[in-house]
Protein backbone atom coordinates (compact mmCIF):
# COMPACT_ATOMS: atom_id res chain seq x y z
CA MET A 1 79.67 88.95 70.18
CA SER A 2 82.85 90.60 70.85
CA LYS A 3 83.04 94.12 72.65
CA GLY A 4 86.04 95.19 70.93
CA VAL A 5 90.01 95.08 70.79
CA ILE A 6 91.93 95.80 73.98
CA LEU A 7 95.26 96.19 74.63
CA LEU A 8 96.49 94.44 78.17
CA VAL A 9 100.12 95.41 78.71
CA GLY A 10 101.67 93.01 81.16
CA TYR A 11 100.49 89.09 81.90
CA ARG A 12 98.45 88.14 84.72
CA ARG A 13 96.44 85.11 84.57
CA GLU A 14 93.40 86.74 86.59
CA ALA A 15 93.46 89.95 84.29
CA LEU A 16 93.32 87.73 81.12
CA ARG A 17 90.55 85.45 82.21
CA ALA A 18 88.32 88.50 82.97
CA ALA A 19 88.89 90.78 79.73
CA LEU A 20 88.60 87.47 77.86
CA GLY A 21 85.32 86.58 79.86
CA LEU A 22 84.02 90.08 79.38
CA GLY A 23 83.85 89.42 75.64
CA TYR A 24 87.14 91.44 74.86
CA GLN A 25 89.81 90.22 71.86
CA VAL A 26 93.06 90.78 73.64
CA ILE A 27 96.33 92.20 72.20
CA LEU A 28 98.47 91.24 74.92
CA TRP A 29 101.96 93.02 75.11
CA ASN A 30 104.46 91.30 77.68
CA ASP A 31 108.12 91.75 78.33
CA ALA A 32 108.65 87.54 78.57
CA SER A 33 106.62 84.66 77.24
CA ILE A 34 103.31 83.52 78.72
CA PRO A 35 102.19 80.21 78.95
CA LYS A 36 101.18 78.53 75.68
CA PHE A 37 97.65 77.24 76.39
CA GLN A 38 97.32 81.68 76.84
CA GLU A 39 98.76 82.25 73.43
CA LYS A 40 95.74 80.36 71.97
CA LYS A 41 92.87 82.58 73.74
CA ILE A 42 94.34 85.80 72.32
CA THR A 43 94.15 88.01 69.36
CA LYS A 44 97.70 89.03 69.23
CA LYS A 45 100.90 88.84 71.27
CA ILE A 46 103.75 91.67 71.67
CA LEU A 47 106.86 89.96 73.02
CA HIS A 48 109.09 92.99 73.38
CA PRO A 49 110.52 94.87 76.76
CA PHE A 50 109.25 97.39 78.75
CA GLN A 51 111.08 100.63 79.21
CA ASP A 52 110.12 103.39 81.59
CA ILE A 53 110.12 106.13 79.10
CA ARG A 54 107.38 108.05 77.25
CA LYS A 55 108.09 107.33 73.86
CA VAL A 56 106.32 104.18 72.27
CA PRO A 57 108.37 101.37 70.74
CA SER A 58 108.62 101.84 67.07
CA LYS A 59 108.09 98.46 66.62
CA LEU A 60 104.80 98.58 68.27
CA ILE A 61 103.23 101.50 65.96
CA PRO A 62 102.06 99.63 62.96
CA LEU A 63 100.65 97.11 64.88
CA LEU A 64 98.67 99.75 67.31
CA LYS A 65 97.43 101.54 64.15
CA LYS A 66 96.10 98.66 62.66
CA TYR A 67 93.32 97.47 65.33
CA HIS A 68 90.67 99.60 66.84
CA ILE A 69 91.70 99.49 70.45
CA GLN A 70 89.02 100.57 73.06
CA PHE A 71 91.33 100.86 75.99
CA VAL A 72 94.63 100.19 77.29
CA SER A 73 95.46 98.30 80.61
CA GLY A 74 98.55 97.94 82.53
CA VAL A 75 98.07 95.05 85.23
CA THR A 76 101.85 94.85 86.53
CA GLU A 77 104.25 97.30 88.20
CA LYS A 78 106.83 96.98 85.19
CA SER A 79 103.85 97.86 82.89
CA VAL A 80 101.75 101.08 84.03
CA LEU A 81 104.17 103.30 82.50
CA PRO A 82 104.47 101.48 78.83
CA ALA A 83 100.56 101.55 78.93
CA ALA A 84 100.55 105.22 79.76
CA SER A 85 102.48 105.76 76.94
CA VAL A 86 100.83 104.03 74.50
CA ARG A 87 97.12 105.47 75.99
CA GLU A 88 98.72 108.86 75.13
CA PHE A 89 99.82 108.20 71.65
CA LEU A 90 96.65 106.72 70.60
CA GLY A 91 94.44 109.87 72.50
CA LEU A 92 92.21 107.24 74.77
CA PRO A 93 91.22 107.96 78.40
CA GLY A 94 92.86 106.64 81.39
CA PRO A 95 96.02 108.18 83.62
CA ARG A 96 98.37 109.97 81.75
CA PHE A 97 102.08 109.33 81.45
CA LYS A 98 103.08 112.31 84.41
CA VAL A 99 100.51 110.77 86.94
CA ALA A 100 101.58 107.07 86.29
CA LYS A 101 105.08 107.79 86.78
CA LEU A 102 104.64 109.56 90.12
CA CYS A 103 102.90 106.11 91.21
CA ARG A 104 106.01 104.06 89.44
CA ASP A 105 109.16 106.12 90.10
CA LYS A 106 109.88 106.09 94.15
CA THR A 107 112.04 109.08 94.21
CA ALA A 108 109.95 111.31 92.24
CA MET A 109 106.55 109.52 94.16
CA LYS A 110 108.16 110.51 98.02
CA THR A 111 109.84 113.95 96.53
CA TYR A 112 106.32 114.83 95.38
CA ALA A 113 104.13 113.37 98.56
CA LYS A 114 106.68 115.63 100.64
CA LYS A 115 105.74 118.75 98.73
CA LYS A 116 102.18 117.93 98.76
CA LYS A 117 102.52 118.06 102.71
CA ILE A 118 101.47 114.50 103.08
CA ARG A 119 103.05 112.60 106.12
CA VAL A 120 105.70 110.06 104.27
CA THR A 121 108.41 107.79 105.76
CA PRO A 122 111.55 110.22 105.98
CA PHE A 123 114.03 109.71 103.12
CA VAL A 124 116.84 110.51 101.07
CA VAL A 125 117.15 110.64 97.42
CA LEU A 126 120.56 109.31 96.73
CA LYS A 127 122.32 111.57 94.13
CA LYS A 128 125.54 111.18 92.68
CA ASN A 129 127.97 111.31 95.15
CA ILE A 130 126.14 112.20 98.13
CA PRO A 131 127.68 112.47 101.34
CA LEU A 132 127.71 109.56 103.76
CA LYS A 133 127.19 111.93 106.66
CA GLU A 134 124.64 113.60 104.94
CA ILE A 135 122.32 110.32 104.85
CA GLU A 136 123.64 109.96 108.18
CA LYS A 137 122.31 113.34 109.27
CA ARG A 138 119.01 112.66 108.15
CA LEU A 139 118.30 109.18 108.68
CA SER A 140 119.34 107.09 111.81
CA TYR A 141 120.82 103.23 111.78
CA PRO A 142 119.25 100.91 110.19
CA VAL A 143 118.35 102.38 106.70
CA VAL A 144 116.66 100.83 103.84
CA LEU A 145 118.01 101.36 100.38
CA LYS A 146 115.62 100.91 97.86
CA LYS A 147 115.82 100.97 93.76
CA LYS A 148 113.41 103.36 92.04
CA ALA A 149 111.06 101.10 90.30
CA LEU A 150 111.30 97.60 91.89
CA TYR A 151 108.53 96.43 93.62
CA GLY A 152 107.54 93.92 96.49
CA ARG A 153 110.88 93.89 98.42
CA ARG A 154 112.83 92.92 95.19
CA GLY A 155 116.26 94.68 95.67
CA LEU A 156 115.74 96.43 99.10
CA LYS A 157 118.59 96.35 101.40
CA ILE A 158 118.94 97.06 105.14
CA VAL A 159 122.00 98.42 106.48
CA LYS A 160 123.02 98.72 109.99
CA GLN A 161 126.70 100.45 109.75
CA PRO A 162 128.25 103.22 107.93
CA SER A 163 130.64 100.43 105.74
CA GLN A 164 127.75 98.71 104.51
CA LEU A 165 125.82 101.89 103.80
CA LYS A 166 128.82 103.25 101.73
CA LYS A 167 129.15 100.03 99.80
CA ALA A 168 125.80 99.80 98.62
CA LEU A 169 125.04 103.28 97.90
CA LYS A 170 126.09 102.94 94.26
CA SER A 171 123.66 100.49 93.08
CA MET A 172 120.33 102.61 94.79
CA HIS A 173 118.40 105.10 94.28
CA LEU A 174 116.59 106.11 97.54
CA ALA A 175 117.33 105.63 101.55
CA GLU A 176 114.66 105.50 103.65
CA LYS A 177 114.44 105.57 107.69
CA MET A 178 113.19 101.88 109.23
CA ILE A 179 109.83 102.44 110.23
CA ARG A 180 108.07 101.24 113.34
CA GLY A 181 104.82 100.50 112.94
CA LYS A 182 101.53 98.32 111.50
CA GLU A 183 101.55 98.05 107.95
CA PHE A 184 98.52 98.36 105.81
CA SER A 185 97.29 98.88 102.47
CA ILE A 186 93.93 100.14 100.94
CA GLU A 187 92.46 99.37 97.43
CA SER A 188 90.31 101.97 95.80
CA PHE A 189 88.54 101.72 92.77
CA ILE A 190 88.31 105.38 91.17
CA HIS A 191 86.24 106.25 88.41
CA GLN A 192 85.85 110.10 87.03
CA GLY A 193 87.34 111.12 89.77
CA LYS A 194 85.13 109.62 92.75
CA ILE A 195 86.10 106.72 94.71
CA LEU A 196 83.66 103.98 94.53
CA PHE A 197 84.79 101.49 96.73
CA ARG A 198 87.80 100.94 99.46
CA ASN A 199 89.31 98.09 100.99
CA PRO A 200 91.78 98.12 103.83
CA THR A 201 93.79 95.37 103.90
CA GLU A 202 96.20 94.19 107.03
CA TYR A 203 99.65 92.89 106.63
CA TYR A 204 99.26 90.41 109.47
CA GLU A 205 102.50 89.06 108.72
CA LEU A 206 104.47 90.50 106.93
CA TYR A 207 105.03 88.89 103.16
CA THR A 208 102.96 86.07 104.63
CA ILE A 209 99.51 86.54 105.73
CA ASN A 210 96.93 89.41 104.69
CA PHE A 211 93.65 90.16 105.64
CA VAL A 212 90.93 91.51 103.99
CA PRO A 213 89.34 93.24 105.20
CA ALA A 214 91.60 94.44 107.99
CA PHE A 215 90.09 94.64 111.80
CA LEU A 216 90.01 98.21 112.63
CA SER A 217 88.04 100.38 114.76
CA PRO A 218 85.48 102.81 113.07
CA LYS A 219 87.82 105.88 113.82
CA LYS A 220 90.80 104.09 112.86
CA LEU A 221 89.22 103.41 109.52
CA LYS A 222 88.04 106.61 108.77
CA ALA A 223 91.60 107.87 109.43
CA LEU A 224 92.57 105.59 107.09
CA HIS A 225 90.08 106.60 104.41
CA ASP A 226 90.79 110.03 104.98
CA PHE A 227 94.61 109.51 104.27
CA ASN A 228 93.98 107.43 101.37
CA ASP A 229 91.58 110.07 99.70
CA ASP A 230 93.69 112.76 100.28
CA ILE A 231 96.81 110.80 98.55
CA ILE A 232 94.86 110.18 95.55
CA LYS A 233 93.30 113.78 95.03
CA LYS A 234 96.83 115.48 95.66
CA PHE A 235 98.23 112.95 92.98
CA GLY A 236 95.61 113.71 90.38
CA ILE A 237 94.25 110.11 90.09
CA ARG A 238 90.71 110.33 88.35
CA ASP A 239 90.51 106.68 86.86
CA GLY A 240 91.84 103.29 88.14
CA VAL A 241 92.53 101.08 90.88
CA THR A 242 95.22 102.45 93.50
CA HIS A 243 97.46 100.21 95.91
CA LEU A 244 98.20 102.45 98.54
CA GLU A 245 100.64 101.02 101.42
CA CYS A 246 101.18 103.10 104.50
CA TYR A 247 102.20 102.95 108.47
CA TRP A 248 100.04 103.16 111.29
CA THR A 249 102.77 104.64 114.04
CA LYS A 250 102.72 105.93 117.32
CA ASP A 251 102.98 109.51 115.88
CA GLY A 252 100.07 108.75 113.35
CA ILE A 253 99.79 107.31 109.32
CA LEU A 254 102.94 107.44 107.52
CA PHE A 255 102.76 107.43 103.66
CA GLY A 256 104.76 104.49 102.17
CA GLU A 257 104.29 104.31 98.77
CA ILE A 258 101.29 103.89 95.99
CA ALA A 259 100.84 101.97 92.96
CA LEU A 260 98.43 102.50 90.00
CA ARG A 261 97.28 98.89 89.55
CA PRO A 262 95.49 95.97 90.49
CA PRO A 263 97.59 94.85 93.92
CA GLY A 264 99.34 91.82 93.93
CA GLY A 265 99.77 89.23 96.86
CA TYR A 266 96.39 87.54 96.15
CA ILE A 267 94.58 90.80 97.59
CA MET A 268 92.50 90.73 94.24
CA ASN A 269 91.14 86.90 95.35
CA LEU A 270 90.60 88.39 99.13
CA ILE A 271 88.22 91.21 97.62
CA LYS A 272 86.13 88.73 95.71
CA ILE A 273 85.74 86.26 98.47
CA ALA A 274 85.12 89.06 101.19
CA TYR A 275 83.07 91.49 99.38
CA GLY A 276 81.18 89.44 96.97
CA PHE A 277 82.06 90.65 93.39
CA ASP A 278 84.51 90.20 90.37
CA PRO A 279 87.06 93.17 91.29
CA TRP A 280 89.09 92.17 88.12
CA LYS A 281 85.81 92.38 85.71
CA ALA A 282 85.18 95.93 87.91
CA PHE A 283 88.54 96.80 87.00
CA PHE A 284 88.24 96.57 83.72
CA GLU A 285 84.98 98.05 83.64
CA ILE A 286 86.50 101.60 84.58
CA GLU A 287 89.04 100.94 81.97
CA ALA A 288 86.37 101.24 79.37
CA GLY A 289 85.06 104.40 81.19
CA ASN A 290 81.92 102.71 83.16
CA LYS A 291 81.05 102.60 86.35
CA PRO A 292 81.17 99.22 87.88
CA HIS A 293 78.70 97.42 90.25
CA LEU A 294 80.48 97.29 93.49
CA SER A 295 80.00 95.90 97.16
CA ARG A 296 81.20 98.23 99.54
CA ARG A 297 80.51 96.09 102.58
CA PRO A 298 81.85 93.08 103.18
CA LYS A 299 80.09 89.66 103.65
CA LYS A 300 82.78 87.36 105.07
CA VAL A 301 86.66 87.82 106.23
CA ALA A 302 89.54 86.50 104.18
CA ALA A 303 92.92 85.90 104.35
CA SER A 304 95.87 85.04 102.04
CA TRP A 305 98.87 82.90 103.23
CA ILE A 306 101.86 82.96 100.81
CA VAL A 307 103.98 79.95 101.46
CA HIS A 308 107.71 80.11 100.67
CA PRO A 309 109.72 77.90 103.19
CA GLY A 310 113.48 79.32 102.78
CA GLU A 311 116.06 78.22 100.85
CA GLY A 312 117.33 74.92 100.65
CA ARG A 313 115.64 71.31 99.52
CA VAL A 314 112.92 70.01 100.16
CA ARG A 315 112.62 66.76 102.64
CA LYS A 316 108.87 66.29 103.55
CA VAL A 317 105.70 68.10 103.16
CA VAL A 318 103.49 67.25 106.72
CA GLY A 319 99.77 67.41 106.66
CA LEU A 320 98.69 68.49 103.34
CA LYS A 321 95.35 66.88 103.45
CA HIS A 322 94.73 68.54 106.80
CA LEU A 323 95.53 71.84 105.05
CA GLN A 324 92.94 71.32 102.35
CA LYS A 325 90.36 70.39 104.56
CA ILE A 326 90.33 73.60 106.50
CA ALA A 327 91.35 76.25 103.09
CA LEU A 328 88.83 77.52 100.83
CA ASP A 329 91.78 76.90 98.30
CA ALA A 330 95.57 75.51 98.61
CA LYS A 331 98.17 74.96 96.19
CA ILE A 332 101.33 73.64 97.07
CA ASN A 333 103.72 73.08 94.42
CA LEU A 334 106.19 71.28 96.35
CA LYS A 335 108.00 67.71 96.30
CA PRO A 336 110.56 66.00 97.97
CA GLY A 337 114.21 66.83 96.63
CA GLN A 338 112.83 70.06 95.18
CA ILE A 339 115.42 73.05 95.18
CA ILE A 340 114.03 76.12 96.56
CA SER A 341 115.91 79.27 96.02
CA LYS A 342 115.85 82.48 98.17
CA ARG A 343 113.11 84.46 98.25
CA MET A 344 114.00 87.61 96.73
CA GLY A 345 110.76 89.42 96.51
CA THR A 346 107.07 89.33 97.87
CA GLY A 347 105.71 87.80 94.75
CA GLU A 348 108.08 84.87 94.70
CA ASN A 349 106.40 81.65 96.88
CA VAL A 350 106.04 78.11 96.40
CA GLY A 351 102.13 77.88 96.90
CA ARG A 352 99.31 79.77 98.46
CA ILE A 353 96.45 79.29 100.93
CA LEU A 354 92.95 81.02 100.72
CA LEU A 355 90.74 80.96 104.12
CA GLU A 356 87.57 82.52 104.60
CA SER A 357 85.61 82.98 107.58
CA THR A 358 82.60 85.03 109.05
CA SER A 359 84.85 86.23 112.03
CA ARG A 360 88.40 87.02 112.81
CA LYS A 361 88.13 84.67 115.65
CA ARG A 362 87.45 82.11 113.36
CA LEU A 363 89.73 83.05 110.84
CA MET A 364 92.56 82.89 113.71
CA LYS A 365 91.30 79.46 115.07
CA ASP A 366 91.92 78.30 111.24
CA ILE A 367 95.41 79.74 111.00
CA ASN A 368 96.47 78.12 114.17
CA LYS A 369 95.15 74.95 113.38
CA ILE A 370 97.42 75.15 109.79
CA ARG A 371 100.51 76.11 111.95
CA GLU A 372 100.07 73.08 114.09
CA ASN A 373 99.28 70.45 111.44
CA PHE A 374 101.07 71.86 108.10
CA ARG A 375 104.87 72.32 107.66
CA ILE A 376 107.33 72.03 105.00
CA GLU A 377 110.37 70.43 106.43
CA MET A 378 113.93 71.17 104.87
CA ASP A 379 117.44 70.41 104.70
CA SER A 380 120.03 73.27 103.79
CA TRP A 381 122.17 72.85 100.84
C-alpha cells in the first residue's frame, strides 16, 4: 500500500531506492536524464534546470497542484534551494528557503557564521573591482579561491602569487586562507530541533579515504560535537540531515562549511555499515515529520576509498581479485585502453572500495594490503 506521493529533487540512486522501499510514490525532478530502468519505477519525471532562486518554475506549478505531495526532499547540493522553494510554495514542513540558502551560498554562509561569532576560516568576499591589495592584506599566500555554489572541490583554485590571483578574480566569489590542519566532517540527523544522531567522519587521505566513525579521544569528540551543535542552532536548522566540514588546527576548531543534505563520498554507506541502520530511511522518516529509530553507538569501523588514478590511458589493472577478497564491496569501472579524464571534483571517480572491521588497527592493515597488491598502471596521453 502506498504511503503517498513525495517530490524527490535531485537524483541519487540510494535515495530513490529508499523512498520506493518505504512505499512512497515518487515524482522525481532532476536537471539531467536518469537511467531508463529507474524511470520505470517512478510516478512522474520532471526534467528541468535547477536555479538558486525562491520562485518556483511556472512549468512545474500545474504538476505540483495535481498531486497531493506529502513532503519535498532535496538530496543533491544543486537541488537544496529548488526543494526549499517548492516546499514553501506548497506550504509543506521542512527547511525554509532562507535557512537553505545559508547552507548553499558560501559567501552568505561564511559571512553569517562570522556574524554569529563562529570560528571560521579567514575569508574575503570577492566583490566587483575589489583591490588586489585588500585581499593580500587580509590573506597570505597561498590563497584558496572558490565559487559560491560549487562543492566537492569543483571550480576550486589555489593561487600562490599576485599574477595568478589577479587573473582568477573575475570568475570567483570567495577567497580563503589555506588552512593547515586535520579535516573532519560531522553528519547530524535533526528532528524538531533536536539532534538525534551525530557521526564524525575522518578525512584520512583527503578526497580519497574516509573513516566512519573518526578515531578521536573522548575530549576531542565532545569538542567536535559541541562545535557542531552550536552551528546547527545558530543557523536555525530544525529538521533534516546536515554535513558540517571543519578543521582541527593548532588553534582549535575552524568552521569550513555546512550542507543541508545527506553527505556524498559514500559516507551514507559507511554510516549503515558502522552503525547498523539505514541512514536513507532515517532521512525520509525525518522528512515525513517522524522520529526515526537510530543506533547512536557504532558496532564496527568502516572506510571508503574513492578510486581515481589521474588523467591518462589505462594500461593495466593489477590485483583486482586480491582486492575483492579484502573489501566488503569493490566496484572498479576500468579496462585496458580506457581514457580517464582529469578529476575535477571529489564526486568524480572510476570506482570505490568499501571496507569494514572491528578496529582501526585491522582497518589500516587491510588498507596497507590493498596498497601493496592493487594498482592501476597508466600511460600519459
